[in-house]
């Protein structure tokens, strides 16, 4: 067994997918952080408002969790901090091209930073190599986003805990479960592709 192949195993040096990107570490990391923030902003524009909640349905959470998992805790959280700070400063890349501080959805944006850090650290430990591990990782990340989101929602709209959960969590459970299933199938597949590419030819 070669050193390269062994390093792809969770028990060796798990790392994250971004660690496999070649190039200068500083430039690579800067580009990945900007790219992660940009992807989140792009996915935020896939947005649907419904009577179920003042918070729109978007692809943001999928982007956040994939970015955090692929980039790792520091780069993932940095990408979400950039997304938050730039949006707060006026870049119109929150849902529906909005920007600024506050609003019913802003707590979720704060949760993105925490969730990206959490899933990034779990991914560094190799949790994203299997379907069940990835599903668990994504579920924990979603829970963090929900928690921060309903706190912000309750404060913005002066809601009680039960109302905030009914408006800020319940409507999204099915769609977030679908996103989790997608990620749970995708990430282990990517790792298997990486492993097969790195494996020595016989």
N, C-alpha and C. Protein backbone atom coordinates (compact mmCIF):
# COMPACT_ATOMS: atom_id res chain seq x y z
N UNK A 1 0.85 -1.20 0.00
CA UNK A 1 0.00 0.00 0.00
C UNK A 1 0.88 1.24 0.00
N UNK A 2 0.55 2.20 -0.86
CA UNK A 2 1.35 3.41 -0.92
C UNK A 2 0.92 4.41 0.14
N UNK A 3 1.81 5.37 0.40
CA UNK A 3 1.49 6.42 1.37
C UNK A 3 0.29 7.23 0.93
N UNK A 4 0.19 7.49 -0.39
CA UNK A 4 -0.93 8.28 -0.91
C UNK A 4 -2.26 7.59 -0.66
N UNK A 5 -2.30 6.29 -0.95
CA UNK A 5 -3.54 5.56 -0.74
C UNK A 5 -3.92 5.50 0.73
N UNK A 6 -2.94 5.27 1.59
CA UNK A 6 -3.21 5.19 3.02
C UNK A 6 -3.74 6.50 3.56
N UNK A 7 -3.25 7.61 3.00
CA UNK A 7 -3.67 8.92 3.52
C UNK A 7 -5.13 9.22 3.23
N UNK A 8 -5.72 8.47 2.31
CA UNK A 8 -7.12 8.71 1.98
C UNK A 8 -8.06 8.03 2.95
N UNK A 9 -7.53 7.21 3.84
CA UNK A 9 -8.37 6.52 4.80
C UNK A 9 -8.65 7.39 6.01
N UNK A 10 -9.88 7.35 6.54
CA UNK A 10 -10.22 8.18 7.70
C UNK A 10 -9.30 7.96 8.88
N UNK A 11 -8.75 6.78 9.04
CA UNK A 11 -7.92 6.49 10.20
C UNK A 11 -6.53 7.08 10.08
N UNK A 12 -6.15 7.52 8.88
CA UNK A 12 -4.82 8.08 8.70
C UNK A 12 -4.86 9.59 8.90
N UNK A 13 -4.89 10.33 7.82
CA UNK A 13 -4.99 11.79 7.90
C UNK A 13 -6.19 12.22 7.06
N UNK A 14 -7.38 12.20 7.63
CA UNK A 14 -8.59 12.41 6.86
C UNK A 14 -8.57 13.68 6.02
N UNK A 15 -8.34 14.81 6.67
CA UNK A 15 -8.40 16.06 5.92
C UNK A 15 -9.77 16.28 5.31
N UNK A 16 -9.85 17.22 4.39
CA UNK A 16 -11.08 17.51 3.67
C UNK A 16 -10.75 17.57 2.19
N UNK A 17 -11.78 17.63 1.36
CA UNK A 17 -11.56 17.63 -0.08
C UNK A 17 -10.68 18.80 -0.53
N UNK A 18 -10.85 19.96 0.11
CA UNK A 18 -10.07 21.13 -0.29
C UNK A 18 -8.57 20.93 -0.11
N UNK A 19 -8.19 20.06 0.81
CA UNK A 19 -6.77 19.80 1.03
C UNK A 19 -6.11 19.14 -0.17
N UNK A 20 -6.92 18.55 -1.04
CA UNK A 20 -6.39 17.86 -2.21
C UNK A 20 -6.22 18.78 -3.41
N UNK A 21 -6.68 20.02 -3.27
CA UNK A 21 -6.54 20.99 -4.36
C UNK A 21 -5.09 21.47 -4.41
N UNK A 22 -4.43 21.34 -5.56
CA UNK A 22 -3.02 21.73 -5.63
C UNK A 22 -2.85 23.25 -5.67
N UNK A 23 -1.62 23.68 -5.48
CA UNK A 23 -1.30 25.09 -5.59
C UNK A 23 -0.84 25.69 -4.27
N UNK A 24 -0.48 26.95 -4.33
CA UNK A 24 -0.06 27.69 -3.15
C UNK A 24 -1.18 27.70 -2.11
N UNK A 25 -0.85 27.32 -0.88
CA UNK A 25 -1.89 27.18 0.14
C UNK A 25 -2.63 28.50 0.38
N UNK A 26 -1.90 29.60 0.43
CA UNK A 26 -2.53 30.89 0.72
C UNK A 26 -3.48 31.30 -0.40
N UNK A 27 -3.01 31.22 -1.63
CA UNK A 27 -3.85 31.60 -2.77
C UNK A 27 -5.02 30.62 -2.92
N UNK A 28 -4.73 29.33 -2.78
CA UNK A 28 -5.79 28.32 -2.87
C UNK A 28 -6.88 28.57 -1.85
N UNK A 29 -6.47 28.79 -0.61
CA UNK A 29 -7.47 28.98 0.45
C UNK A 29 -8.28 30.24 0.23
N UNK A 30 -7.64 31.32 -0.23
CA UNK A 30 -8.35 32.56 -0.49
C UNK A 30 -9.40 32.36 -1.59
N UNK A 31 -9.01 31.67 -2.65
CA UNK A 31 -9.94 31.42 -3.75
C UNK A 31 -11.09 30.52 -3.32
N UNK A 32 -10.79 29.53 -2.49
CA UNK A 32 -11.83 28.63 -2.01
C UNK A 32 -12.82 29.35 -1.10
N UNK A 33 -12.32 30.23 -0.26
CA UNK A 33 -13.20 31.00 0.63
C UNK A 33 -14.13 31.91 -0.18
N UNK A 34 -13.55 32.62 -1.14
CA UNK A 34 -14.37 33.50 -1.99
C UNK A 34 -15.36 32.67 -2.81
N UNK A 35 -14.88 31.55 -3.34
CA UNK A 35 -15.76 30.69 -4.12
C UNK A 35 -16.89 30.11 -3.29
N UNK A 36 -16.59 29.73 -2.04
CA UNK A 36 -17.63 29.20 -1.16
C UNK A 36 -18.69 30.23 -0.84
N UNK A 37 -18.26 31.46 -0.58
CA UNK A 37 -19.21 32.54 -0.33
C UNK A 37 -20.05 32.82 -1.58
N UNK A 38 -19.38 32.83 -2.73
CA UNK A 38 -20.10 33.09 -3.98
C UNK A 38 -21.12 32.02 -4.30
N UNK A 39 -20.75 30.76 -4.06
CA UNK A 39 -21.69 29.66 -4.30
C UNK A 39 -22.91 29.79 -3.40
N UNK A 40 -22.70 30.16 -2.16
CA UNK A 40 -23.82 30.34 -1.24
C UNK A 40 -24.73 31.47 -1.70
N UNK A 41 -24.12 32.58 -2.14
CA UNK A 41 -24.91 33.68 -2.65
C UNK A 41 -25.69 33.31 -3.89
N UNK A 42 -25.09 32.51 -4.76
CA UNK A 42 -25.78 32.06 -5.97
C UNK A 42 -26.96 31.16 -5.63
N UNK A 43 -26.73 30.21 -4.72
CA UNK A 43 -27.81 29.30 -4.33
C UNK A 43 -28.93 30.02 -3.58
N UNK A 44 -28.60 31.13 -2.93
CA UNK A 44 -29.63 31.91 -2.23
C UNK A 44 -30.66 32.48 -3.18
N UNK A 45 -30.27 32.63 -4.46
CA UNK A 45 -31.21 33.22 -5.42
C UNK A 45 -32.21 32.20 -5.96
N UNK A 46 -31.95 30.92 -5.69
CA UNK A 46 -32.97 29.90 -5.97
C UNK A 46 -33.91 29.93 -4.77
N UNK A 47 -34.89 30.78 -4.82
CA UNK A 47 -35.68 31.14 -3.64
C UNK A 47 -37.16 31.09 -3.93
N UNK A 48 -37.90 30.57 -2.98
CA UNK A 48 -39.36 30.46 -3.13
C UNK A 48 -40.04 30.88 -1.83
N UNK A 49 -40.85 31.91 -1.89
CA UNK A 49 -41.63 32.34 -0.74
C UNK A 49 -42.98 31.62 -0.74
N UNK A 50 -43.41 31.17 0.42
CA UNK A 50 -44.70 30.49 0.56
C UNK A 50 -45.42 31.04 1.79
N UNK A 51 -46.72 30.77 1.91
CA UNK A 51 -47.45 31.20 3.11
C UNK A 51 -47.05 30.42 4.37
N UNK A 52 -46.23 29.39 4.20
CA UNK A 52 -45.86 28.56 5.34
C UNK A 52 -44.92 29.26 6.30
N UNK A 53 -44.14 30.21 5.79
CA UNK A 53 -43.11 30.83 6.62
C UNK A 53 -42.68 32.16 6.03
N UNK A 54 -42.27 33.11 6.88
CA UNK A 54 -41.68 34.35 6.35
C UNK A 54 -40.27 34.13 5.81
N UNK A 55 -39.73 32.94 6.05
CA UNK A 55 -38.40 32.58 5.57
C UNK A 55 -38.58 31.80 4.26
N UNK A 56 -37.88 32.20 3.20
CA UNK A 56 -38.07 31.51 1.92
C UNK A 56 -37.37 30.15 1.88
N UNK A 57 -37.87 29.29 1.03
CA UNK A 57 -37.17 28.05 0.70
C UNK A 57 -36.05 28.41 -0.28
N UNK A 58 -34.82 27.98 0.01
CA UNK A 58 -33.69 28.24 -0.89
C UNK A 58 -32.78 27.02 -0.91
N UNK A 59 -31.76 27.10 -1.76
CA UNK A 59 -30.71 26.07 -1.78
C UNK A 59 -29.52 26.47 -0.91
N UNK A 60 -29.67 27.54 -0.15
CA UNK A 60 -28.56 28.03 0.66
C UNK A 60 -28.00 26.98 1.62
N UNK A 61 -28.89 26.31 2.35
CA UNK A 61 -28.40 25.40 3.37
C UNK A 61 -27.58 24.27 2.76
N UNK A 62 -28.00 23.78 1.59
CA UNK A 62 -27.21 22.74 0.92
C UNK A 62 -25.83 23.27 0.57
N UNK A 63 -25.77 24.49 0.04
CA UNK A 63 -24.49 25.09 -0.30
C UNK A 63 -23.62 25.27 0.94
N UNK A 64 -24.21 25.76 2.01
CA UNK A 64 -23.45 26.01 3.24
C UNK A 64 -22.82 24.72 3.76
N UNK A 65 -23.61 23.66 3.82
CA UNK A 65 -23.11 22.42 4.39
C UNK A 65 -22.11 21.74 3.47
N UNK A 66 -22.30 21.84 2.17
CA UNK A 66 -21.32 21.29 1.24
C UNK A 66 -20.01 22.08 1.29
N UNK A 67 -20.13 23.40 1.36
CA UNK A 67 -18.93 24.24 1.45
C UNK A 67 -18.17 23.94 2.74
N UNK A 68 -18.88 23.88 3.86
CA UNK A 68 -18.22 23.59 5.13
C UNK A 68 -17.54 22.23 5.12
N UNK A 69 -18.22 21.23 4.58
CA UNK A 69 -17.67 19.89 4.55
C UNK A 69 -16.47 19.80 3.62
N UNK A 70 -16.55 20.41 2.47
CA UNK A 70 -15.47 20.34 1.50
C UNK A 70 -14.27 21.19 1.88
N UNK A 71 -14.50 22.33 2.52
CA UNK A 71 -13.42 23.26 2.82
C UNK A 71 -12.81 23.05 4.19
N UNK A 72 -13.56 22.47 5.12
CA UNK A 72 -13.06 22.33 6.49
C UNK A 72 -13.52 23.48 7.36
N UNK A 73 -13.27 23.35 8.65
CA UNK A 73 -13.83 24.28 9.63
C UNK A 73 -13.39 25.72 9.40
N UNK A 74 -12.10 25.96 9.26
CA UNK A 74 -11.60 27.34 9.17
C UNK A 74 -12.00 27.99 7.85
N UNK A 75 -11.72 27.31 6.75
CA UNK A 75 -12.06 27.89 5.45
C UNK A 75 -13.57 27.98 5.26
N UNK A 76 -14.29 26.94 5.72
CA UNK A 76 -15.75 26.96 5.58
C UNK A 76 -16.38 28.09 6.37
N UNK A 77 -15.97 28.24 7.65
CA UNK A 77 -16.50 29.33 8.46
C UNK A 77 -16.09 30.68 7.90
N UNK A 78 -14.87 30.77 7.36
CA UNK A 78 -14.42 32.03 6.77
C UNK A 78 -15.26 32.40 5.56
N UNK A 79 -15.61 31.40 4.74
CA UNK A 79 -16.47 31.66 3.58
C UNK A 79 -17.83 32.19 4.01
N UNK A 80 -18.38 31.61 5.08
CA UNK A 80 -19.68 32.07 5.55
C UNK A 80 -19.59 33.43 6.24
N UNK A 81 -18.49 33.69 6.91
CA UNK A 81 -18.28 35.03 7.48
C UNK A 81 -18.19 36.08 6.38
N UNK A 82 -17.51 35.73 5.29
CA UNK A 82 -17.43 36.64 4.15
C UNK A 82 -18.81 36.87 3.56
N UNK A 83 -19.58 35.80 3.43
CA UNK A 83 -20.95 35.91 2.91
C UNK A 83 -21.78 36.82 3.80
N UNK A 84 -21.70 36.62 5.10
CA UNK A 84 -22.47 37.43 6.06
C UNK A 84 -22.02 38.89 6.02
N UNK A 85 -20.70 39.11 6.11
CA UNK A 85 -20.19 40.47 6.20
C UNK A 85 -20.46 41.26 4.93
N UNK A 86 -20.23 40.62 3.78
CA UNK A 86 -20.46 41.33 2.51
C UNK A 86 -21.94 41.62 2.31
N UNK A 87 -22.80 40.67 2.67
CA UNK A 87 -24.24 40.90 2.57
C UNK A 87 -24.70 42.00 3.50
N UNK A 88 -24.16 42.01 4.71
CA UNK A 88 -24.52 43.06 5.66
C UNK A 88 -24.04 44.42 5.18
N UNK A 89 -22.92 44.44 4.44
CA UNK A 89 -22.35 45.70 3.96
C UNK A 89 -23.02 46.21 2.69
N UNK A 90 -23.86 45.37 2.06
CA UNK A 90 -24.59 45.85 0.90
C UNK A 90 -24.55 45.00 -0.34
N UNK A 91 -23.75 43.93 -0.34
CA UNK A 91 -23.75 43.04 -1.51
C UNK A 91 -25.09 42.30 -1.56
N UNK A 92 -25.84 42.41 -2.65
CA UNK A 92 -27.20 41.85 -2.69
C UNK A 92 -27.22 40.35 -2.99
N UNK A 93 -26.62 39.56 -2.11
CA UNK A 93 -26.58 38.12 -2.40
C UNK A 93 -27.22 37.27 -1.29
N UNK A 94 -28.02 37.91 -0.43
CA UNK A 94 -28.91 37.13 0.40
C UNK A 94 -30.10 36.71 -0.47
N UNK A 95 -31.03 35.95 0.08
CA UNK A 95 -32.17 35.45 -0.70
C UNK A 95 -32.90 36.61 -1.39
N UNK A 96 -33.27 36.41 -2.64
CA UNK A 96 -33.99 37.41 -3.44
C UNK A 96 -33.21 38.71 -3.61
N UNK A 97 -31.89 38.58 -3.69
CA UNK A 97 -31.01 39.74 -3.92
C UNK A 97 -31.13 40.79 -2.81
N UNK A 98 -31.44 40.37 -1.61
CA UNK A 98 -31.51 41.31 -0.50
C UNK A 98 -30.15 41.44 0.18
N UNK A 99 -30.04 42.37 1.11
CA UNK A 99 -28.80 42.58 1.84
C UNK A 99 -29.13 43.32 3.13
N UNK A 100 -28.12 43.54 3.95
CA UNK A 100 -28.29 44.29 5.19
C UNK A 100 -28.43 43.42 6.41
N UNK A 101 -28.43 44.07 7.55
CA UNK A 101 -28.57 43.39 8.84
C UNK A 101 -30.04 43.24 9.20
N UNK A 102 -30.34 42.20 9.94
CA UNK A 102 -31.70 42.02 10.44
C UNK A 102 -32.61 41.34 9.44
N UNK A 103 -33.88 41.23 9.86
CA UNK A 103 -34.87 40.55 9.04
C UNK A 103 -35.12 39.14 9.55
N UNK A 104 -36.23 38.53 9.15
CA UNK A 104 -36.60 37.21 9.66
C UNK A 104 -35.59 36.12 9.37
N UNK A 105 -34.81 36.29 8.28
CA UNK A 105 -33.89 35.23 7.86
C UNK A 105 -32.47 35.41 8.36
N UNK A 106 -32.17 36.54 8.99
CA UNK A 106 -30.77 36.84 9.29
C UNK A 106 -30.17 35.87 10.31
N UNK A 107 -30.99 35.37 11.22
CA UNK A 107 -30.46 34.41 12.19
C UNK A 107 -29.92 33.16 11.52
N UNK A 108 -30.54 32.76 10.42
CA UNK A 108 -30.06 31.60 9.67
C UNK A 108 -28.68 31.87 9.09
N UNK A 109 -28.46 33.10 8.61
CA UNK A 109 -27.16 33.46 8.04
C UNK A 109 -26.08 33.38 9.11
N UNK A 110 -26.39 33.81 10.31
CA UNK A 110 -25.45 33.66 11.43
C UNK A 110 -25.19 32.18 11.70
N UNK A 111 -26.25 31.39 11.63
CA UNK A 111 -26.11 29.96 11.82
C UNK A 111 -25.23 29.29 10.78
N UNK A 112 -25.18 29.88 9.57
CA UNK A 112 -24.33 29.32 8.53
C UNK A 112 -22.87 29.25 8.97
N UNK A 113 -22.41 30.28 9.65
CA UNK A 113 -21.02 30.33 10.09
C UNK A 113 -20.75 29.19 11.07
N UNK A 114 -21.63 29.04 12.04
CA UNK A 114 -21.45 27.99 13.05
C UNK A 114 -21.56 26.60 12.44
N UNK A 115 -22.53 26.43 11.55
CA UNK A 115 -22.74 25.12 10.94
C UNK A 115 -21.56 24.73 10.06
N UNK A 116 -21.02 25.68 9.29
CA UNK A 116 -19.88 25.38 8.43
C UNK A 116 -18.67 24.96 9.26
N UNK A 117 -18.47 25.62 10.39
CA UNK A 117 -17.36 25.24 11.27
C UNK A 117 -17.56 23.84 11.82
N UNK A 118 -18.78 23.51 12.23
CA UNK A 118 -19.05 22.19 12.81
C UNK A 118 -18.87 21.08 11.78
N UNK A 119 -19.53 21.21 10.63
CA UNK A 119 -19.43 20.13 9.64
C UNK A 119 -18.02 20.04 9.07
N UNK A 120 -17.33 21.17 8.99
CA UNK A 120 -15.95 21.15 8.51
C UNK A 120 -15.04 20.38 9.43
N UNK A 121 -15.21 20.54 10.73
CA UNK A 121 -14.40 19.80 11.69
C UNK A 121 -14.74 18.31 11.66
N UNK A 122 -16.01 17.99 11.55
CA UNK A 122 -16.39 16.58 11.47
C UNK A 122 -15.86 15.94 10.18
N UNK A 123 -15.89 16.70 9.10
CA UNK A 123 -15.35 16.19 7.84
C UNK A 123 -13.85 15.96 7.94
N UNK A 124 -13.15 16.85 8.64
CA UNK A 124 -11.71 16.68 8.82
C UNK A 124 -11.38 15.36 9.51
N UNK A 125 -12.30 14.90 10.34
CA UNK A 125 -12.11 13.63 11.04
C UNK A 125 -12.56 12.43 10.22
N UNK A 126 -12.99 12.68 8.98
CA UNK A 126 -13.34 11.59 8.09
C UNK A 126 -14.78 11.14 8.14
N UNK A 127 -15.65 11.92 8.77
CA UNK A 127 -17.05 11.51 8.93
C UNK A 127 -17.80 11.53 7.59
N UNK A 128 -17.29 12.28 6.62
CA UNK A 128 -18.00 12.41 5.35
C UNK A 128 -17.63 11.34 4.33
N UNK A 129 -16.96 10.28 4.77
CA UNK A 129 -16.54 9.25 3.82
C UNK A 129 -17.63 8.21 3.55
N UNK A 130 -18.61 8.11 4.42
CA UNK A 130 -19.68 7.14 4.26
C UNK A 130 -21.03 7.81 4.23
N UNK A 131 -22.04 7.09 3.75
CA UNK A 131 -23.38 7.65 3.60
C UNK A 131 -23.98 8.01 4.95
N UNK A 132 -23.92 7.10 5.91
CA UNK A 132 -24.53 7.37 7.21
C UNK A 132 -23.80 8.49 7.95
N UNK A 133 -22.48 8.49 7.87
CA UNK A 133 -21.72 9.55 8.52
C UNK A 133 -22.02 10.91 7.93
N UNK A 134 -22.11 10.98 6.60
CA UNK A 134 -22.43 12.24 5.94
C UNK A 134 -23.84 12.70 6.30
N UNK A 135 -24.78 11.76 6.34
CA UNK A 135 -26.16 12.12 6.70
C UNK A 135 -26.20 12.67 8.12
N UNK A 136 -25.48 12.05 9.04
CA UNK A 136 -25.44 12.54 10.42
C UNK A 136 -24.80 13.91 10.52
N UNK A 137 -23.71 14.09 9.78
CA UNK A 137 -23.00 15.37 9.75
C UNK A 137 -23.92 16.49 9.25
N UNK A 138 -24.63 16.22 8.16
CA UNK A 138 -25.53 17.21 7.60
C UNK A 138 -26.70 17.50 8.53
N UNK A 139 -27.18 16.47 9.20
CA UNK A 139 -28.29 16.67 10.14
C UNK A 139 -27.87 17.57 11.30
N UNK A 140 -26.68 17.36 11.82
CA UNK A 140 -26.18 18.22 12.89
C UNK A 140 -26.00 19.66 12.40
N UNK A 141 -25.48 19.81 11.19
CA UNK A 141 -25.32 21.14 10.63
C UNK A 141 -26.65 21.86 10.47
N UNK A 142 -27.65 21.13 9.98
CA UNK A 142 -28.98 21.71 9.85
C UNK A 142 -29.54 22.12 11.20
N UNK A 143 -29.31 21.30 12.22
CA UNK A 143 -29.81 21.60 13.57
C UNK A 143 -29.24 22.92 14.08
N UNK A 144 -27.95 23.15 13.81
CA UNK A 144 -27.31 24.40 14.23
C UNK A 144 -27.94 25.59 13.50
N UNK A 145 -28.17 25.43 12.20
CA UNK A 145 -28.79 26.50 11.41
C UNK A 145 -30.20 26.78 11.92
N UNK A 146 -30.95 25.72 12.19
CA UNK A 146 -32.31 25.89 12.72
C UNK A 146 -32.28 26.66 14.04
N UNK A 147 -31.38 26.26 14.93
CA UNK A 147 -31.34 26.88 16.25
C UNK A 147 -31.07 28.37 16.15
N UNK A 148 -30.04 28.73 15.40
CA UNK A 148 -29.73 30.16 15.23
C UNK A 148 -30.87 30.87 14.49
N UNK A 149 -31.46 30.18 13.52
CA UNK A 149 -32.52 30.78 12.72
C UNK A 149 -33.77 31.11 13.51
N UNK A 150 -34.20 30.16 14.36
CA UNK A 150 -35.44 30.43 15.10
C UNK A 150 -35.22 31.46 16.21
N UNK A 151 -34.00 31.55 16.72
CA UNK A 151 -33.72 32.61 17.69
C UNK A 151 -33.85 33.96 17.01
N UNK A 152 -33.25 34.09 15.83
CA UNK A 152 -33.35 35.35 15.09
C UNK A 152 -34.77 35.65 14.65
N UNK A 153 -35.50 34.62 14.24
CA UNK A 153 -36.88 34.79 13.80
C UNK A 153 -37.77 35.24 14.96
N UNK A 154 -37.57 34.61 16.12
CA UNK A 154 -38.37 34.97 17.28
C UNK A 154 -38.10 36.41 17.72
N UNK A 155 -36.83 36.81 17.67
CA UNK A 155 -36.49 38.18 18.06
C UNK A 155 -37.02 39.19 17.06
N UNK A 156 -36.94 38.88 15.77
CA UNK A 156 -37.37 39.83 14.74
C UNK A 156 -38.88 40.01 14.72
N UNK A 157 -39.62 38.92 14.91
CA UNK A 157 -41.08 38.98 14.81
C UNK A 157 -41.77 38.90 16.16
N UNK A 158 -40.98 38.89 17.24
CA UNK A 158 -41.54 38.82 18.60
C UNK A 158 -42.43 37.59 18.76
N UNK A 159 -41.86 36.43 18.46
CA UNK A 159 -42.60 35.17 18.54
C UNK A 159 -42.18 34.37 19.76
N UNK A 160 -43.07 33.51 20.22
CA UNK A 160 -42.72 32.53 21.23
C UNK A 160 -41.97 31.38 20.59
N UNK A 161 -41.39 30.52 21.43
CA UNK A 161 -40.59 29.42 20.93
C UNK A 161 -41.39 28.49 20.03
N UNK A 162 -42.60 28.16 20.43
CA UNK A 162 -43.42 27.23 19.65
C UNK A 162 -43.76 27.82 18.28
N UNK A 163 -44.11 29.10 18.25
CA UNK A 163 -44.42 29.75 16.98
C UNK A 163 -43.18 29.81 16.08
N UNK A 164 -42.04 30.13 16.68
CA UNK A 164 -40.81 30.24 15.90
C UNK A 164 -40.44 28.89 15.27
N UNK A 165 -40.62 27.82 16.02
CA UNK A 165 -40.34 26.49 15.48
C UNK A 165 -41.33 26.14 14.37
N UNK A 166 -42.59 26.47 14.58
CA UNK A 166 -43.62 26.17 13.57
C UNK A 166 -43.37 26.91 12.26
N UNK A 167 -42.83 28.12 12.35
CA UNK A 167 -42.58 28.91 11.15
C UNK A 167 -41.17 28.74 10.60
N UNK A 168 -40.22 28.46 11.49
CA UNK A 168 -38.82 28.47 11.08
C UNK A 168 -38.16 27.13 10.93
N UNK A 169 -38.83 26.06 11.37
CA UNK A 169 -38.23 24.73 11.27
C UNK A 169 -39.15 23.76 10.53
N UNK A 170 -40.38 23.63 11.04
CA UNK A 170 -41.29 22.60 10.52
C UNK A 170 -41.48 22.63 9.01
N UNK A 171 -41.67 23.81 8.39
CA UNK A 171 -41.90 23.81 6.94
C UNK A 171 -40.71 23.29 6.12
N UNK A 172 -39.52 23.30 6.73
CA UNK A 172 -38.31 22.99 5.98
C UNK A 172 -37.78 21.57 6.20
N UNK A 173 -38.43 20.81 7.05
CA UNK A 173 -37.89 19.50 7.42
C UNK A 173 -37.80 18.56 6.22
N UNK A 174 -38.83 18.54 5.39
CA UNK A 174 -38.82 17.61 4.26
C UNK A 174 -37.78 18.01 3.21
N UNK A 175 -37.75 19.28 2.86
CA UNK A 175 -36.79 19.71 1.83
C UNK A 175 -35.36 19.58 2.33
N UNK A 176 -35.13 19.85 3.62
CA UNK A 176 -33.77 19.69 4.14
C UNK A 176 -33.38 18.22 4.24
N UNK A 177 -34.35 17.34 4.47
CA UNK A 177 -34.06 15.91 4.46
C UNK A 177 -33.65 15.46 3.06
N UNK A 178 -34.29 16.02 2.03
CA UNK A 178 -33.92 15.70 0.65
C UNK A 178 -32.51 16.20 0.34
N UNK A 179 -32.19 17.39 0.81
CA UNK A 179 -30.84 17.94 0.60
C UNK A 179 -29.81 17.07 1.31
N UNK A 180 -30.14 16.61 2.52
CA UNK A 180 -29.23 15.74 3.26
C UNK A 180 -29.00 14.44 2.51
N UNK A 181 -30.07 13.87 1.97
CA UNK A 181 -29.95 12.63 1.21
C UNK A 181 -29.06 12.84 -0.02
N UNK A 182 -29.21 13.98 -0.68
CA UNK A 182 -28.39 14.28 -1.85
C UNK A 182 -26.92 14.36 -1.47
N UNK A 183 -26.63 15.10 -0.39
CA UNK A 183 -25.24 15.23 0.05
C UNK A 183 -24.67 13.90 0.52
N UNK A 184 -25.50 13.09 1.18
CA UNK A 184 -25.05 11.80 1.69
C UNK A 184 -24.70 10.84 0.56
N UNK A 185 -25.34 11.03 -0.58
CA UNK A 185 -24.98 10.21 -1.73
C UNK A 185 -23.81 10.78 -2.50
N UNK A 186 -23.69 12.10 -2.53
CA UNK A 186 -22.68 12.77 -3.35
C UNK A 186 -21.28 12.72 -2.75
N UNK A 187 -21.14 13.12 -1.49
CA UNK A 187 -19.80 13.27 -0.90
C UNK A 187 -19.03 11.95 -0.82
N UNK A 188 -19.63 10.86 -0.33
CA UNK A 188 -18.88 9.60 -0.33
C UNK A 188 -18.50 9.16 -1.74
N UNK A 189 -19.34 9.47 -2.71
CA UNK A 189 -19.04 9.13 -4.11
C UNK A 189 -17.81 9.90 -4.59
N UNK A 190 -17.74 11.19 -4.22
CA UNK A 190 -16.57 11.99 -4.59
C UNK A 190 -15.32 11.42 -3.96
N UNK A 191 -15.40 11.04 -2.68
CA UNK A 191 -14.22 10.46 -2.02
C UNK A 191 -13.80 9.15 -2.65
N UNK A 192 -14.76 8.34 -3.07
CA UNK A 192 -14.40 7.09 -3.74
C UNK A 192 -13.71 7.37 -5.07
N UNK A 193 -14.20 8.43 -5.76
CA UNK A 193 -13.54 8.82 -7.00
C UNK A 193 -12.12 9.29 -6.77
N UNK A 194 -11.93 10.06 -5.70
CA UNK A 194 -10.59 10.52 -5.36
C UNK A 194 -9.68 9.35 -5.03
N UNK A 195 -10.19 8.39 -4.26
CA UNK A 195 -9.41 7.23 -3.87
C UNK A 195 -9.02 6.39 -5.07
N UNK A 196 -9.95 6.20 -6.00
CA UNK A 196 -9.65 5.39 -7.17
C UNK A 196 -8.65 6.08 -8.09
N UNK A 197 -8.72 7.42 -8.13
CA UNK A 197 -7.77 8.18 -8.95
C UNK A 197 -6.37 8.12 -8.37
N UNK A 198 -6.30 8.15 -7.02
CA UNK A 198 -5.00 8.16 -6.35
C UNK A 198 -4.40 6.77 -6.24
N UNK A 199 -5.22 5.73 -6.40
CA UNK A 199 -4.72 4.37 -6.24
C UNK A 199 -3.71 4.05 -7.33
N UNK A 200 -2.64 3.34 -6.99
CA UNK A 200 -1.62 3.00 -7.99
C UNK A 200 -2.14 2.00 -9.00
N UNK A 201 -1.69 2.13 -10.22
CA UNK A 201 -2.08 1.18 -11.26
C UNK A 201 -1.35 -0.14 -11.05
N UNK A 202 -2.07 -1.25 -11.34
CA UNK A 202 -1.46 -2.56 -11.20
C UNK A 202 -0.80 -2.98 -12.50
